[in-house]
């Protein structure tokens, strides 16, 4: 009969392999949602930075032309970047605000958020619609996706204050990040 020397058999047992797989699965179950939240929070902070640029431009416009009304028609789009500034230098549309260099042109269509220049709660149906006592100058609304972050939105008020919101209000799963303090 042939004897098998167990010391020369250098492999892992089935139990050891199952334990290692269980540990890896547990780590993945914890790490992936945290990584996803970190990525979404990073996108939100990127959006807030761009939103501050839009809001600063709208406030600067109001400083230069206090009585001038701007007609916002929808979210900012890349096509607005080619709009020219009127010869009077007095913009009446959001495209002209970009054309007059009050707001820096961006590749608006490729961001995770929709950006709006707000004027008197317009455009309606967007995050520009303010509650009582609020005066929103610009806002950013998460583009539709299948995750919880789609309900996040941010707005800048007349005084440069940043505010955040979540359309589900009772969401306990993902809480949208607050505006960064500088």
N, C-alpha and C. Protein backbone atom coordinates (compact mmCIF):
# COMPACT_ATOMS: atom_id res chain seq x y z
N UNK A 1 0.83 -1.16 0.00
CA UNK A 1 0.00 0.00 0.00
C UNK A 1 0.89 1.24 0.00
N UNK A 2 0.47 2.21 -0.75
CA UNK A 2 1.27 3.40 -0.90
C UNK A 2 0.84 4.44 0.13
N UNK A 3 1.78 4.98 0.85
CA UNK A 3 1.48 6.02 1.84
C UNK A 3 1.59 7.39 1.20
N UNK A 4 0.64 8.25 1.59
CA UNK A 4 0.66 9.62 1.07
C UNK A 4 1.25 10.51 2.15
N UNK A 5 2.26 11.23 1.77
CA UNK A 5 2.88 12.16 2.70
C UNK A 5 2.12 13.48 2.63
N UNK A 6 1.39 13.81 3.70
CA UNK A 6 0.54 15.01 3.74
C UNK A 6 1.37 16.30 3.72
N UNK A 7 2.61 16.22 4.16
CA UNK A 7 3.43 17.42 4.18
C UNK A 7 3.81 17.88 2.78
N UNK A 8 3.85 16.99 1.84
CA UNK A 8 4.21 17.40 0.48
C UNK A 8 3.01 17.92 -0.30
N UNK A 9 1.80 17.71 0.21
CA UNK A 9 0.58 18.21 -0.43
C UNK A 9 0.35 19.65 0.04
N UNK A 10 0.80 20.61 -0.76
CA UNK A 10 0.78 22.01 -0.35
C UNK A 10 -0.37 22.75 -1.03
N UNK A 11 -1.58 22.56 -0.59
CA UNK A 11 -2.74 23.25 -1.14
C UNK A 11 -3.61 23.76 -0.01
N UNK A 12 -4.66 24.45 -0.38
CA UNK A 12 -5.61 24.94 0.61
C UNK A 12 -6.77 23.98 0.72
N UNK A 13 -7.29 23.87 1.90
CA UNK A 13 -8.46 23.01 2.08
C UNK A 13 -9.71 23.77 1.63
N UNK A 14 -10.77 23.04 1.44
CA UNK A 14 -12.03 23.65 1.01
C UNK A 14 -12.53 24.65 2.05
N UNK A 15 -12.40 24.33 3.30
CA UNK A 15 -12.84 25.23 4.38
C UNK A 15 -12.05 26.54 4.32
N UNK A 16 -10.76 26.46 4.13
CA UNK A 16 -9.94 27.67 4.04
C UNK A 16 -10.37 28.54 2.86
N UNK A 17 -10.68 27.92 1.74
CA UNK A 17 -11.12 28.67 0.56
C UNK A 17 -12.48 29.33 0.80
N UNK A 18 -13.40 28.64 1.47
CA UNK A 18 -14.72 29.19 1.76
C UNK A 18 -14.59 30.38 2.70
N UNK A 19 -13.74 30.27 3.71
CA UNK A 19 -13.54 31.37 4.66
C UNK A 19 -12.97 32.60 3.94
N UNK A 20 -12.00 32.40 3.08
CA UNK A 20 -11.41 33.51 2.33
C UNK A 20 -12.46 34.17 1.43
N UNK A 21 -13.26 33.36 0.74
CA UNK A 21 -14.32 33.91 -0.12
C UNK A 21 -15.34 34.69 0.69
N UNK A 22 -15.68 34.20 1.87
CA UNK A 22 -16.65 34.90 2.72
C UNK A 22 -16.09 36.25 3.18
N UNK A 23 -14.82 36.29 3.51
CA UNK A 23 -14.18 37.54 3.93
C UNK A 23 -14.17 38.54 2.77
N UNK A 24 -13.81 38.09 1.59
CA UNK A 24 -13.77 38.97 0.42
C UNK A 24 -15.17 39.49 0.09
N UNK A 25 -16.17 38.63 0.17
CA UNK A 25 -17.55 39.05 -0.12
C UNK A 25 -18.03 40.08 0.90
N UNK A 26 -17.68 39.90 2.16
CA UNK A 26 -18.06 40.86 3.20
C UNK A 26 -17.40 42.22 2.96
N UNK A 27 -16.13 42.21 2.65
CA UNK A 27 -15.42 43.46 2.37
C UNK A 27 -16.01 44.17 1.16
N UNK A 28 -16.34 43.41 0.12
CA UNK A 28 -16.94 44.01 -1.08
C UNK A 28 -18.31 44.59 -0.77
N UNK A 29 -19.08 43.91 0.04
CA UNK A 29 -20.43 44.39 0.38
C UNK A 29 -20.36 45.70 1.17
N UNK A 30 -19.31 45.89 1.92
CA UNK A 30 -19.14 47.12 2.70
C UNK A 30 -18.51 48.22 1.84
N UNK A 31 -17.51 47.87 1.05
CA UNK A 31 -16.73 48.87 0.32
C UNK A 31 -17.46 49.47 -0.88
N UNK A 32 -18.19 48.67 -1.63
CA UNK A 32 -18.83 49.19 -2.85
C UNK A 32 -19.86 50.29 -2.58
N UNK A 33 -20.77 50.12 -1.62
CA UNK A 33 -21.70 51.24 -1.36
C UNK A 33 -20.99 52.50 -0.86
N UNK A 34 -19.97 52.32 -0.04
CA UNK A 34 -19.23 53.49 0.44
C UNK A 34 -18.51 54.20 -0.70
N UNK A 35 -17.94 53.41 -1.61
CA UNK A 35 -17.25 54.01 -2.75
C UNK A 35 -18.26 54.74 -3.63
N UNK A 36 -19.41 54.16 -3.83
CA UNK A 36 -20.45 54.79 -4.64
C UNK A 36 -20.89 56.12 -4.03
N UNK A 37 -21.08 56.15 -2.72
CA UNK A 37 -21.44 57.40 -2.05
C UNK A 37 -20.34 58.44 -2.18
N UNK A 38 -19.09 58.00 -2.08
CA UNK A 38 -17.97 58.92 -2.20
C UNK A 38 -17.92 59.53 -3.60
N UNK A 39 -18.14 58.71 -4.62
CA UNK A 39 -18.16 59.22 -5.99
C UNK A 39 -19.29 60.22 -6.18
N UNK A 40 -20.48 59.91 -5.67
CA UNK A 40 -21.61 60.83 -5.81
C UNK A 40 -21.38 62.13 -5.04
N UNK A 41 -20.79 62.04 -3.87
CA UNK A 41 -20.48 63.24 -3.10
C UNK A 41 -19.47 64.10 -3.84
N UNK A 42 -18.49 63.47 -4.46
CA UNK A 42 -17.50 64.20 -5.25
C UNK A 42 -18.17 64.92 -6.42
N UNK A 43 -19.10 64.24 -7.10
CA UNK A 43 -19.83 64.88 -8.19
C UNK A 43 -20.66 66.06 -7.68
N UNK A 44 -21.23 65.89 -6.51
CA UNK A 44 -22.04 66.98 -5.93
C UNK A 44 -21.16 68.19 -5.63
N UNK A 45 -19.98 67.97 -5.07
CA UNK A 45 -19.09 69.10 -4.77
C UNK A 45 -18.61 69.76 -6.06
N UNK A 46 -18.38 68.99 -7.11
CA UNK A 46 -18.03 69.55 -8.40
C UNK A 46 -19.17 70.44 -8.91
N UNK A 47 -20.38 69.95 -8.77
CA UNK A 47 -21.56 70.72 -9.21
C UNK A 47 -21.70 72.01 -8.40
N UNK A 48 -21.42 71.95 -7.12
CA UNK A 48 -21.54 73.15 -6.28
C UNK A 48 -20.52 74.20 -6.71
N UNK A 49 -19.32 73.77 -7.09
CA UNK A 49 -18.32 74.71 -7.58
C UNK A 49 -18.77 75.43 -8.84
N UNK A 50 -19.34 74.67 -9.77
CA UNK A 50 -19.85 75.26 -11.01
C UNK A 50 -21.06 76.14 -10.70
N UNK A 51 -21.90 75.68 -9.79
CA UNK A 51 -23.08 76.44 -9.39
C UNK A 51 -22.69 77.80 -8.81
N UNK A 52 -21.62 77.83 -8.03
CA UNK A 52 -21.13 79.10 -7.49
C UNK A 52 -20.73 80.06 -8.60
N UNK A 53 -20.15 79.52 -9.69
CA UNK A 53 -19.78 80.34 -10.83
C UNK A 53 -21.02 80.95 -11.49
N UNK A 54 -22.07 80.15 -11.67
CA UNK A 54 -23.31 80.64 -12.28
C UNK A 54 -23.94 81.71 -11.38
N UNK A 55 -23.99 81.43 -10.09
CA UNK A 55 -24.61 82.37 -9.14
C UNK A 55 -23.83 83.68 -9.08
N UNK A 56 -22.51 83.59 -9.06
CA UNK A 56 -21.70 84.81 -9.02
C UNK A 56 -21.93 85.65 -10.27
N UNK A 57 -22.04 85.00 -11.41
CA UNK A 57 -22.32 85.72 -12.65
C UNK A 57 -23.68 86.40 -12.63
N UNK A 58 -24.68 85.71 -12.10
CA UNK A 58 -26.03 86.30 -12.03
C UNK A 58 -26.06 87.47 -11.04
N UNK A 59 -25.34 87.34 -9.93
CA UNK A 59 -25.30 88.45 -8.96
C UNK A 59 -24.52 89.64 -9.53
N UNK A 60 -23.45 89.35 -10.28
CA UNK A 60 -22.67 90.42 -10.90
C UNK A 60 -23.52 91.15 -11.96
N UNK A 61 -24.31 90.39 -12.70
CA UNK A 61 -25.22 91.00 -13.68
C UNK A 61 -26.21 91.93 -12.99
N UNK A 62 -26.77 91.49 -11.86
CA UNK A 62 -27.72 92.33 -11.12
C UNK A 62 -27.04 93.56 -10.53
N UNK A 63 -25.76 93.43 -10.23
CA UNK A 63 -25.00 94.57 -9.73
C UNK A 63 -24.79 95.61 -10.84
N UNK A 64 -24.49 95.12 -12.05
CA UNK A 64 -24.27 96.02 -13.18
C UNK A 64 -25.57 96.61 -13.72
N UNK A 65 -26.62 95.80 -13.77
CA UNK A 65 -27.92 96.19 -14.35
C UNK A 65 -29.03 95.83 -13.36
N UNK A 66 -29.22 96.59 -12.30
CA UNK A 66 -30.18 96.22 -11.25
C UNK A 66 -31.62 96.01 -11.74
N UNK A 67 -32.06 96.76 -12.72
CA UNK A 67 -33.45 96.65 -13.16
C UNK A 67 -33.62 95.65 -14.30
N UNK A 68 -32.52 95.08 -14.77
CA UNK A 68 -32.57 94.19 -15.94
C UNK A 68 -33.11 92.81 -15.56
N UNK A 69 -34.13 92.36 -16.26
CA UNK A 69 -34.65 91.00 -16.07
C UNK A 69 -34.06 90.10 -17.14
N UNK A 70 -33.69 88.90 -16.73
CA UNK A 70 -33.17 87.89 -17.64
C UNK A 70 -34.23 86.81 -17.77
N UNK A 71 -34.45 86.36 -18.98
CA UNK A 71 -35.47 85.34 -19.21
C UNK A 71 -34.83 83.96 -19.24
N UNK A 72 -34.95 83.19 -18.13
CA UNK A 72 -34.43 81.83 -18.16
C UNK A 72 -35.46 80.90 -18.81
N UNK A 73 -35.01 80.05 -19.71
CA UNK A 73 -35.93 79.17 -20.43
C UNK A 73 -35.75 77.70 -20.07
N UNK A 74 -34.69 77.35 -19.45
CA UNK A 74 -34.43 75.95 -19.11
C UNK A 74 -33.03 75.81 -18.56
N UNK A 75 -32.57 74.58 -18.50
CA UNK A 75 -31.23 74.36 -17.97
C UNK A 75 -30.19 74.88 -18.95
N UNK A 76 -29.02 75.21 -18.41
CA UNK A 76 -27.94 75.69 -19.26
C UNK A 76 -27.49 74.55 -20.16
N UNK A 77 -27.25 74.85 -21.42
CA UNK A 77 -26.78 73.83 -22.35
C UNK A 77 -25.55 74.34 -23.08
N UNK A 78 -24.78 73.42 -23.60
CA UNK A 78 -23.53 73.77 -24.27
C UNK A 78 -23.79 74.68 -25.46
N UNK A 79 -24.93 74.55 -26.10
CA UNK A 79 -25.24 75.40 -27.27
C UNK A 79 -25.32 76.89 -26.90
N UNK A 80 -25.58 77.20 -25.64
CA UNK A 80 -25.65 78.60 -25.21
C UNK A 80 -24.28 79.28 -25.22
N UNK A 81 -23.21 78.48 -25.22
CA UNK A 81 -21.86 79.04 -25.17
C UNK A 81 -21.53 79.89 -26.39
N UNK A 82 -22.26 79.72 -27.50
CA UNK A 82 -21.96 80.47 -28.72
C UNK A 82 -22.83 81.72 -28.87
N UNK A 83 -23.71 81.97 -27.91
CA UNK A 83 -24.56 83.16 -27.97
C UNK A 83 -23.71 84.41 -27.78
N UNK A 84 -23.96 85.40 -28.61
CA UNK A 84 -23.18 86.65 -28.55
C UNK A 84 -23.78 87.60 -27.51
N UNK A 85 -22.93 88.47 -27.04
CA UNK A 85 -23.37 89.53 -26.13
C UNK A 85 -24.02 90.63 -26.96
N UNK A 86 -25.17 91.14 -26.54
CA UNK A 86 -25.80 92.22 -27.33
C UNK A 86 -24.91 93.47 -27.36
N UNK A 87 -25.08 94.27 -28.38
CA UNK A 87 -24.23 95.46 -28.54
C UNK A 87 -24.39 96.45 -27.38
N UNK A 88 -25.53 96.41 -26.71
CA UNK A 88 -25.73 97.29 -25.55
C UNK A 88 -24.97 96.79 -24.33
N UNK A 89 -24.53 95.52 -24.38
CA UNK A 89 -23.88 94.92 -23.21
C UNK A 89 -24.85 94.54 -22.13
N UNK A 90 -26.13 94.61 -22.44
CA UNK A 90 -27.20 94.38 -21.46
C UNK A 90 -27.92 93.07 -21.80
N UNK A 91 -27.54 91.95 -21.17
CA UNK A 91 -28.14 90.67 -21.52
C UNK A 91 -29.61 90.57 -21.11
N UNK A 92 -30.40 89.90 -21.95
CA UNK A 92 -31.81 89.66 -21.63
C UNK A 92 -32.13 88.17 -21.57
N UNK A 93 -31.21 87.33 -22.02
CA UNK A 93 -31.39 85.88 -21.96
C UNK A 93 -30.20 85.25 -21.26
N UNK A 94 -30.37 84.02 -20.84
CA UNK A 94 -29.27 83.32 -20.16
C UNK A 94 -28.10 83.12 -21.12
N UNK A 95 -28.39 82.84 -22.39
CA UNK A 95 -27.31 82.70 -23.38
C UNK A 95 -26.49 83.97 -23.49
N UNK A 96 -27.16 85.12 -23.47
CA UNK A 96 -26.44 86.40 -23.53
C UNK A 96 -25.64 86.65 -22.26
N UNK A 97 -26.10 86.13 -21.13
CA UNK A 97 -25.33 86.24 -19.88
C UNK A 97 -23.99 85.53 -20.05
N UNK A 98 -24.02 84.35 -20.69
CA UNK A 98 -22.77 83.63 -20.97
C UNK A 98 -21.97 84.38 -22.03
N UNK A 99 -22.65 84.88 -23.08
CA UNK A 99 -21.97 85.62 -24.14
C UNK A 99 -21.28 86.88 -23.64
N UNK A 100 -21.86 87.53 -22.64
CA UNK A 100 -21.27 88.75 -22.06
C UNK A 100 -20.23 88.42 -20.99
N UNK A 101 -19.90 87.16 -20.84
CA UNK A 101 -18.85 86.68 -19.92
C UNK A 101 -19.19 86.86 -18.44
N UNK A 102 -20.47 86.97 -18.11
CA UNK A 102 -20.84 86.97 -16.70
C UNK A 102 -20.70 85.56 -16.12
N UNK A 103 -20.95 84.56 -16.95
CA UNK A 103 -20.82 83.16 -16.55
C UNK A 103 -19.84 82.49 -17.50
N UNK A 104 -18.93 81.72 -16.96
CA UNK A 104 -17.94 81.01 -17.77
C UNK A 104 -18.61 79.91 -18.57
N UNK A 105 -18.31 79.79 -19.87
CA UNK A 105 -18.87 78.68 -20.65
C UNK A 105 -18.34 77.34 -20.14
N UNK A 106 -19.20 76.35 -20.14
CA UNK A 106 -18.84 74.99 -19.73
C UNK A 106 -19.45 74.01 -20.72
N UNK A 107 -19.04 72.77 -20.62
CA UNK A 107 -19.67 71.69 -21.38
C UNK A 107 -20.88 71.22 -20.58
N UNK A 108 -21.90 72.04 -20.52
CA UNK A 108 -23.05 71.85 -19.63
C UNK A 108 -23.75 70.51 -19.83
N UNK A 109 -23.76 70.03 -21.06
CA UNK A 109 -24.53 68.81 -21.38
C UNK A 109 -23.91 67.54 -20.81
N UNK A 110 -22.66 67.60 -20.39
CA UNK A 110 -21.99 66.38 -19.93
C UNK A 110 -21.78 66.31 -18.43
N UNK A 111 -22.42 67.16 -17.68
CA UNK A 111 -22.33 67.09 -16.22
C UNK A 111 -23.43 66.20 -15.67
N UNK A 112 -23.25 65.72 -14.45
CA UNK A 112 -24.25 64.89 -13.78
C UNK A 112 -25.42 65.73 -13.26
N UNK A 113 -25.27 67.04 -13.30
CA UNK A 113 -26.31 67.94 -12.79
C UNK A 113 -26.78 68.86 -13.91
N UNK A 114 -28.03 69.28 -13.82
CA UNK A 114 -28.57 70.32 -14.68
C UNK A 114 -28.41 71.65 -13.94
N UNK A 115 -27.89 72.65 -14.61
CA UNK A 115 -27.66 73.95 -13.98
C UNK A 115 -28.67 74.96 -14.52
N UNK A 116 -29.17 75.79 -13.62
CA UNK A 116 -30.17 76.80 -13.99
C UNK A 116 -29.74 78.16 -13.46
N UNK A 117 -29.93 79.19 -14.29
CA UNK A 117 -29.84 80.57 -13.82
C UNK A 117 -31.27 80.96 -13.48
N UNK A 118 -31.50 81.31 -12.23
CA UNK A 118 -32.87 81.56 -11.75
C UNK A 118 -33.21 83.05 -11.78
N UNK A 119 -34.45 83.34 -12.12
CA UNK A 119 -34.95 84.72 -12.11
C UNK A 119 -36.43 84.68 -11.74
N UNK A 120 -36.78 85.22 -10.59
CA UNK A 120 -38.18 85.28 -10.14
C UNK A 120 -38.88 83.92 -10.20
N UNK A 121 -38.27 82.91 -9.58
CA UNK A 121 -38.81 81.55 -9.53
C UNK A 121 -38.94 80.90 -10.91
N UNK A 122 -38.21 81.35 -11.88
CA UNK A 122 -38.26 80.74 -13.21
C UNK A 122 -36.89 80.17 -13.53
N UNK A 123 -36.78 79.16 -14.35
CA UNK A 123 -37.87 78.49 -15.04
C UNK A 123 -38.70 77.62 -14.09
N UNK A 124 -40.01 77.60 -14.32
CA UNK A 124 -40.90 76.85 -13.44
C UNK A 124 -40.67 75.35 -13.60
N UNK A 125 -41.02 74.60 -12.56
CA UNK A 125 -40.84 73.15 -12.59
C UNK A 125 -39.41 72.71 -12.34
N UNK A 126 -38.57 73.63 -11.89
CA UNK A 126 -37.17 73.31 -11.63
C UNK A 126 -36.83 73.64 -10.19
N UNK A 127 -35.56 73.44 -9.84
CA UNK A 127 -35.11 73.79 -8.50
C UNK A 127 -35.06 75.30 -8.29
N UNK A 128 -35.35 76.09 -9.32
CA UNK A 128 -35.40 77.55 -9.17
C UNK A 128 -36.63 78.01 -8.41
N UNK A 129 -37.67 77.17 -8.38
CA UNK A 129 -38.90 77.55 -7.69
C UNK A 129 -38.62 77.55 -6.20
N UNK A 130 -38.68 78.72 -5.60
CA UNK A 130 -38.25 78.91 -4.21
C UNK A 130 -39.42 78.80 -3.25
N UNK A 131 -39.09 78.50 -2.02
CA UNK A 131 -40.07 78.55 -0.95
C UNK A 131 -40.25 79.99 -0.50
N UNK A 132 -41.11 80.19 0.46
CA UNK A 132 -41.36 81.56 0.91
C UNK A 132 -40.11 82.14 1.56
N UNK A 133 -39.81 83.37 1.22
CA UNK A 133 -38.66 84.06 1.79
C UNK A 133 -37.34 83.73 1.13
N UNK A 134 -37.33 82.82 0.16
CA UNK A 134 -36.09 82.46 -0.51
C UNK A 134 -35.97 83.25 -1.81
N UNK A 135 -34.75 83.56 -2.18
CA UNK A 135 -34.50 84.20 -3.46
C UNK A 135 -33.35 83.47 -4.12
N UNK A 136 -33.66 82.52 -4.96
CA UNK A 136 -32.65 81.69 -5.60
C UNK A 136 -32.10 82.38 -6.84
N UNK A 137 -30.77 82.42 -6.92
CA UNK A 137 -30.08 83.04 -8.03
C UNK A 137 -29.68 82.00 -9.06
N UNK A 138 -29.30 80.81 -8.57
CA UNK A 138 -28.91 79.70 -9.44
C UNK A 138 -29.15 78.41 -8.69
N UNK A 139 -29.38 77.34 -9.44
CA UNK A 139 -29.56 76.05 -8.79
C UNK A 139 -29.04 74.94 -9.69
N UNK A 140 -28.77 73.80 -9.07
CA UNK A 140 -28.31 72.60 -9.78
C UNK A 140 -29.15 71.43 -9.31
N UNK A 141 -29.66 70.67 -10.26
CA UNK A 141 -30.53 69.54 -9.98
C UNK A 141 -29.90 68.29 -10.59
N UNK A 142 -29.82 67.22 -9.82
CA UNK A 142 -29.21 65.97 -10.29
C UNK A 142 -29.99 65.45 -11.49
N UNK A 143 -29.26 65.10 -12.55
CA UNK A 143 -29.91 64.48 -13.72
C UNK A 143 -30.52 63.15 -13.30
N UNK A 144 -31.55 62.73 -13.98
CA UNK A 144 -32.21 61.46 -13.63
C UNK A 144 -31.27 60.28 -13.81
N UNK A 145 -31.21 59.48 -12.77
CA UNK A 145 -30.48 58.22 -12.80
C UNK A 145 -31.32 57.22 -12.03
N UNK A 146 -30.78 56.04 -11.83
CA UNK A 146 -31.54 55.02 -11.10
C UNK A 146 -31.13 54.92 -9.65
N UNK A 147 -30.28 55.81 -9.19
CA UNK A 147 -29.83 55.71 -7.79
C UNK A 147 -30.46 56.81 -6.94
N UNK A 148 -30.20 56.74 -5.65
CA UNK A 148 -30.79 57.69 -4.71
C UNK A 148 -30.27 59.11 -4.86
N UNK A 149 -29.09 59.26 -5.44
CA UNK A 149 -28.50 60.59 -5.57
C UNK A 149 -29.27 61.47 -6.54
N UNK A 150 -30.17 60.89 -7.36
CA UNK A 150 -30.90 61.70 -8.34
C UNK A 150 -31.80 62.72 -7.67
N UNK A 151 -32.07 62.56 -6.41
CA UNK A 151 -33.00 63.45 -5.72
C UNK A 151 -32.29 64.64 -5.08
N UNK A 152 -30.99 64.76 -5.25
CA UNK A 152 -30.23 65.84 -4.66
C UNK A 152 -30.36 67.10 -5.50
N UNK A 153 -30.44 68.26 -4.84
CA UNK A 153 -30.36 69.54 -5.55
C UNK A 153 -29.73 70.57 -4.63
N UNK A 154 -29.17 71.60 -5.24
CA UNK A 154 -28.48 72.67 -4.52
C UNK A 154 -28.89 74.00 -5.13
N UNK A 155 -28.90 75.05 -4.31
CA UNK A 155 -29.17 76.39 -4.84
C UNK A 155 -28.37 77.42 -4.07
N UNK A 156 -28.14 78.54 -4.76
CA UNK A 156 -27.42 79.68 -4.19
C UNK A 156 -28.41 80.83 -4.07
N UNK A 157 -28.41 81.48 -2.92
CA UNK A 157 -29.34 82.59 -2.72
C UNK A 157 -28.70 83.92 -3.13
N UNK A 158 -29.45 84.98 -2.98
CA UNK A 158 -29.02 86.32 -3.37
C UNK A 158 -27.74 86.77 -2.68
N UNK A 159 -27.47 86.24 -1.51
CA UNK A 159 -26.32 86.66 -0.72
C UNK A 159 -25.14 85.71 -0.84
N UNK A 160 -25.23 84.73 -1.74
CA UNK A 160 -24.15 83.79 -1.95
C UNK A 160 -24.20 82.58 -1.05
N UNK A 161 -25.25 82.46 -0.25
CA UNK A 161 -25.40 81.29 0.62
C UNK A 161 -25.78 80.06 -0.17
N UNK A 162 -25.14 78.96 0.13
CA UNK A 162 -25.41 77.70 -0.56
C UNK A 162 -26.35 76.86 0.30
N UNK A 163 -27.33 76.24 -0.33
CA UNK A 163 -28.31 75.40 0.36
C UNK A 163 -28.45 74.09 -0.39
N UNK A 164 -28.81 73.05 0.33
CA UNK A 164 -29.00 71.75 -0.31
C UNK A 164 -30.37 71.20 0.03
N UNK A 165 -30.84 70.33 -0.81
CA UNK A 165 -32.14 69.72 -0.59
C UNK A 165 -32.21 68.33 -1.19
N UNK A 166 -33.24 67.62 -0.82
CA UNK A 166 -33.46 66.27 -1.31
C UNK A 166 -34.96 66.14 -1.53
N UNK A 167 -35.38 65.81 -2.72
CA UNK A 167 -36.81 65.81 -3.02
C UNK A 167 -37.58 64.74 -2.27
N UNK A 168 -36.89 63.75 -1.72
CA UNK A 168 -37.62 62.73 -0.96
C UNK A 168 -37.77 63.12 0.49
N UNK A 169 -37.03 64.11 0.94
CA UNK A 169 -37.11 64.67 2.30
C UNK A 169 -37.00 63.63 3.43
N UNK A 170 -37.57 62.45 3.26
CA UNK A 170 -37.54 61.45 4.34
C UNK A 170 -36.51 60.36 4.07
N UNK A 171 -35.66 60.56 3.08
CA UNK A 171 -34.69 59.54 2.73
C UNK A 171 -33.69 59.34 3.87
N UNK A 172 -33.60 58.12 4.33
CA UNK A 172 -32.64 57.80 5.37
C UNK A 172 -31.46 57.04 4.80
N UNK A 173 -31.58 56.63 3.54
CA UNK A 173 -30.53 55.83 2.93
C UNK A 173 -29.33 56.70 2.55
N UNK A 174 -29.55 57.68 1.72
CA UNK A 174 -28.47 58.57 1.29
C UNK A 174 -28.87 59.99 1.63
N UNK A 175 -28.08 60.63 2.41
CA UNK A 175 -28.33 62.03 2.75
C UNK A 175 -27.43 62.87 1.86
N UNK A 176 -28.02 63.84 1.16
CA UNK A 176 -27.21 64.64 0.26
C UNK A 176 -26.20 65.46 1.05
N UNK A 177 -25.02 65.67 0.45
CA UNK A 177 -24.00 66.43 1.16
C UNK A 177 -24.40 67.89 1.31
N UNK A 178 -24.01 68.47 2.41
CA UNK A 178 -24.27 69.89 2.59
C UNK A 178 -23.25 70.67 1.77
N UNK A 179 -23.52 71.91 1.57
CA UNK A 179 -22.60 72.76 0.82
C UNK A 179 -21.30 72.90 1.60
N UNK A 180 -20.16 72.90 0.91
CA UNK A 180 -18.89 73.04 1.62
C UNK A 180 -18.75 74.43 2.24
N UNK A 181 -18.14 74.48 3.38
CA UNK A 181 -17.89 75.76 4.07
C UNK A 181 -16.50 76.24 3.70
N UNK A 182 -16.41 77.50 3.28
CA UNK A 182 -15.10 78.06 2.94
C UNK A 182 -14.79 79.23 3.83
